[in-house]
Amino acid sequence: MSQTASVWLVVLLAFLLANLPFISNRVFAVYALKRPKNLAVRLAEMFVWYLLVGGLGLSFEQRNGQIAPQSWEFYAITGTLFLTFAFPGFTFRYLFKRRS
């Protein structure tokens, strides 16, 4: 896989996995809870997905060449980008008014 394709795969996967906690009522889209998920559970699940996507991106970077060193700025930017990607799912879950 080319470097461009791996970058776009990570970006697309990050967008999908950032929205998954807000679209699905199951934890990690597998485990059903007895009560509905609250925002704290959704944010914790989103953090786990962030780590998974970051690990995948790291493995792609390692396969394509030498891993560039990252400092706290890299993680701050990618974390806020992941939160930005989650905005459509958050809007769908909490900001749309449901009609009965």
C-alpha atoms as a PDB file:
ATOM      1  CA  MET A   1       0.000   0.000   0.000  1.00  0.00           C
ATOM      2  CA  SER A   2       1.352   3.437  -0.885  1.00  0.00           C
ATOM      3  CA  GLN A   3       1.970   6.103   1.710  1.00  0.00           C
ATOM      4  CA  THR A   4      -0.878   8.262   0.379  1.00  0.00           C
ATOM      5  CA  ALA A   5      -3.336   5.374   0.538  1.00  0.00           C
ATOM      6  CA  SER A   6      -2.324   4.511   4.099  1.00  0.00           C
ATOM      7  CA  VAL A   7      -2.771   8.145   5.204  1.00  0.00           C
ATOM      8  CA  TRP A   8      -6.253   8.325   3.685  1.00  0.00           C
ATOM      9  CA  LEU A   9      -7.152   4.956   5.213  1.00  0.00           C
ATOM     10  CA  VAL A  10      -6.177   6.216   8.670  1.00  0.00           C
ATOM     11  CA  VAL A  11      -8.141   9.459   8.180  1.00  0.00           C
ATOM     12  CA  LEU A  12     -11.252   7.598   6.969  1.00  0.00           C
ATOM     13  CA  LEU A  13     -11.005   5.049   9.779  1.00  0.00           C
ATOM     14  CA  ALA A  14     -10.564   7.862  12.325  1.00  0.00           C
ATOM     15  CA  PHE A  15     -13.715   9.569  11.038  1.00  0.00           C
ATOM     16  CA  LEU A  16     -15.760   6.370  11.206  1.00  0.00           C
ATOM     17  CA  LEU A  17     -14.506   5.282  14.620  1.00  0.00           C
ATOM     18  CA  ALA A  18     -14.897   8.765  16.113  1.00  0.00           C
ATOM     19  CA  ASN A  19     -18.607   8.660  15.258  1.00  0.00           C
ATOM     20  CA  LEU A  20     -19.216   5.028  16.248  1.00  0.00           C
ATOM     21  CA  PRO A  21     -19.732   5.673  20.000  1.00  0.00           C
ATOM     22  CA  PHE A  22     -22.517   8.155  19.218  1.00  0.00           C
ATOM     23  CA  ILE A  23     -24.262   6.061  16.575  1.00  0.00           C
ATOM     24  CA  SER A  24     -24.224   2.707  18.365  1.00  0.00           C
ATOM     25  CA  ASN A  25     -25.800   2.066  21.776  1.00  0.00           C
ATOM     26  CA  ARG A  26     -23.448  -0.860  22.328  1.00  0.00           C
ATOM     27  CA  VAL A  27     -19.981  -0.498  23.838  1.00  0.00           C
ATOM     28  CA  PHE A  28     -17.438  -0.982  21.039  1.00  0.00           C
ATOM     29  CA  ALA A  29     -20.422  -1.916  18.829  1.00  0.00           C
ATOM     30  CA  VAL A  30     -20.471  -5.360  20.492  1.00  0.00           C
ATOM     31  CA  TYR A  31     -21.428  -5.338  24.184  1.00  0.00           C
ATOM     32  CA  ALA A  32     -24.963  -4.239  25.102  1.00  0.00           C
ATOM     33  CA  LEU A  33     -25.378  -2.436  28.413  1.00  0.00           C
ATOM     34  CA  LYS A  34     -28.403  -2.768  30.685  1.00  0.00           C
ATOM     35  CA  ARG A  35     -28.834   1.012  30.707  1.00  0.00           C
ATOM     36  CA  PRO A  36     -28.252   3.442  27.829  1.00  0.00           C
ATOM     37  CA  LYS A  37     -24.712   4.770  27.447  1.00  0.00           C
ATOM     38  CA  ASN A  38     -24.100   8.189  28.937  1.00  0.00           C
ATOM     39  CA  LEU A  39     -21.690  10.794  27.605  1.00  0.00           C
ATOM     40  CA  ALA A  40     -18.819   9.674  29.859  1.00  0.00           C
ATOM     41  CA  VAL A  41     -18.963   6.116  28.514  1.00  0.00           C
ATOM     42  CA  ARG A  42     -19.098   7.432  24.959  1.00  0.00           C
ATOM     43  CA  LEU A  43     -16.043   9.649  25.529  1.00  0.00           C
ATOM     44  CA  ALA A  44     -14.108   6.778  27.132  1.00  0.00           C
ATOM     45  CA  GLU A  45     -14.971   4.555  24.191  1.00  0.00           C
ATOM     46  CA  MET A  46     -13.906   7.312  21.811  1.00  0.00           C
ATOM     47  CA  PHE A  47     -10.536   7.551  23.621  1.00  0.00           C
ATOM     48  CA  VAL A  48      -9.964   3.819  23.139  1.00  0.00           C
ATOM     49  CA  TRP A  49     -10.804   4.165  19.434  1.00  0.00           C
ATOM     50  CA  TYR A  50      -8.342   7.100  19.248  1.00  0.00           C
ATOM     51  CA  LEU A  51      -5.589   4.891  20.661  1.00  0.00           C
ATOM     52  CA  LEU A  52      -6.452   2.098  18.214  1.00  0.00           C
ATOM     53  CA  VAL A  53      -6.339   4.419  15.191  1.00  0.00           C
ATOM     54  CA  GLY A  54      -3.094   5.928  16.470  1.00  0.00           C
ATOM     55  CA  GLY A  55      -1.565   2.478  16.774  1.00  0.00           C
ATOM     56  CA  LEU A  56      -2.639   1.620  13.255  1.00  0.00           C
ATOM     57  CA  GLY A  57      -1.138   4.859  11.954  1.00  0.00           C
ATOM     58  CA  LEU A  58       2.072   4.124  13.841  1.00  0.00           C
ATOM     59  CA  SER A  59       2.304   0.668  12.292  1.00  0.00           C
ATOM     60  CA  PHE A  60       1.754   2.113   8.804  1.00  0.00           C
ATOM     61  CA  GLU A  61       4.461   4.697   9.446  1.00  0.00           C
ATOM     62  CA  GLN A  62       6.861   2.037  10.679  1.00  0.00           C
ATOM     63  CA  ARG A  63       6.187  -0.117   7.632  1.00  0.00           C
ATOM     64  CA  ASN A  64       6.773   2.793   5.228  1.00  0.00           C
ATOM     65  CA  GLY A  65       9.987   4.021   6.834  1.00  0.00           C
ATOM     66  CA  GLN A  66      11.459   5.464   9.974  1.00  0.00           C
ATOM     67  CA  ILE A  67       9.056   6.656  12.679  1.00  0.00           C
ATOM     68  CA  ALA A  68       9.217  10.406  13.205  1.00  0.00           C
ATOM     69  CA  PRO A  69       9.472  11.480  16.858  1.00  0.00           C
ATOM     70  CA  GLN A  70       6.330  13.146  18.213  1.00  0.00           C
ATOM     71  CA  SER A  71       5.971  15.431  21.201  1.00  0.00           C
ATOM     72  CA  TRP A  72       2.870  16.552  23.081  1.00  0.00           C
ATOM     73  CA  GLU A  73       1.829  18.919  20.268  1.00  0.00           C
ATOM     74  CA  PHE A  74       1.269  15.989  17.910  1.00  0.00           C
ATOM     75  CA  TYR A  75      -1.061  14.258  20.359  1.00  0.00           C
ATOM     76  CA  ALA A  76      -2.912  17.499  21.143  1.00  0.00           C
ATOM     77  CA  ILE A  77      -3.564  18.130  17.458  1.00  0.00           C
ATOM     78  CA  THR A  78      -4.581  14.561  16.607  1.00  0.00           C
ATOM     79  CA  GLY A  79      -6.814  14.403  19.698  1.00  0.00           C
ATOM     80  CA  THR A  80      -8.646  17.585  18.749  1.00  0.00           C
ATOM     81  CA  LEU A  81      -8.898  16.353  15.158  1.00  0.00           C
ATOM     82  CA  PHE A  82     -10.490  13.140  16.441  1.00  0.00           C
ATOM     83  CA  LEU A  83     -12.945  15.205  18.518  1.00  0.00           C
ATOM     84  CA  THR A  84     -13.733  17.302  15.447  1.00  0.00           C
ATOM     85  CA  PHE A  85     -14.387  14.150  13.444  1.00  0.00           C
ATOM     86  CA  ALA A  86     -16.861  13.072  16.151  1.00  0.00           C
ATOM     87  CA  PHE A  87     -19.013  16.191  15.733  1.00  0.00           C
ATOM     88  CA  PRO A  88     -21.520  14.671  13.236  1.00  0.00           C
ATOM     89  CA  GLY A  89     -22.214  11.732  15.563  1.00  0.00           C
ATOM     90  CA  PHE A  90     -22.500  14.018  18.602  1.00  0.00           C
ATOM     91  CA  THR A  91     -24.899  16.276  16.692  1.00  0.00           C
ATOM     92  CA  PHE A  92     -26.998  13.315  15.628  1.00  0.00           C
ATOM     93  CA  ARG A  93     -27.165  11.900  19.162  1.00  0.00           C
ATOM     94  CA  TYR A  94     -27.608  15.003  21.316  1.00  0.00           C
ATOM     95  CA  LEU A  95     -28.596  18.032  19.238  1.00  0.00           C
ATOM     96  CA  PHE A  96     -31.301  16.747  16.879  1.00  0.00           C
ATOM     97  CA  LYS A  97     -34.766  16.865  18.353  1.00  0.00           C
ATOM     98  CA  ARG A  98     -36.507  13.534  18.089  1.00  0.00           C
ATOM     99  CA  ARG A  99     -40.127  13.487  17.028  1.00  0.00           C
ATOM    100  CA  SER A 100     -42.417  11.064  18.831  1.00  0.00           C
END
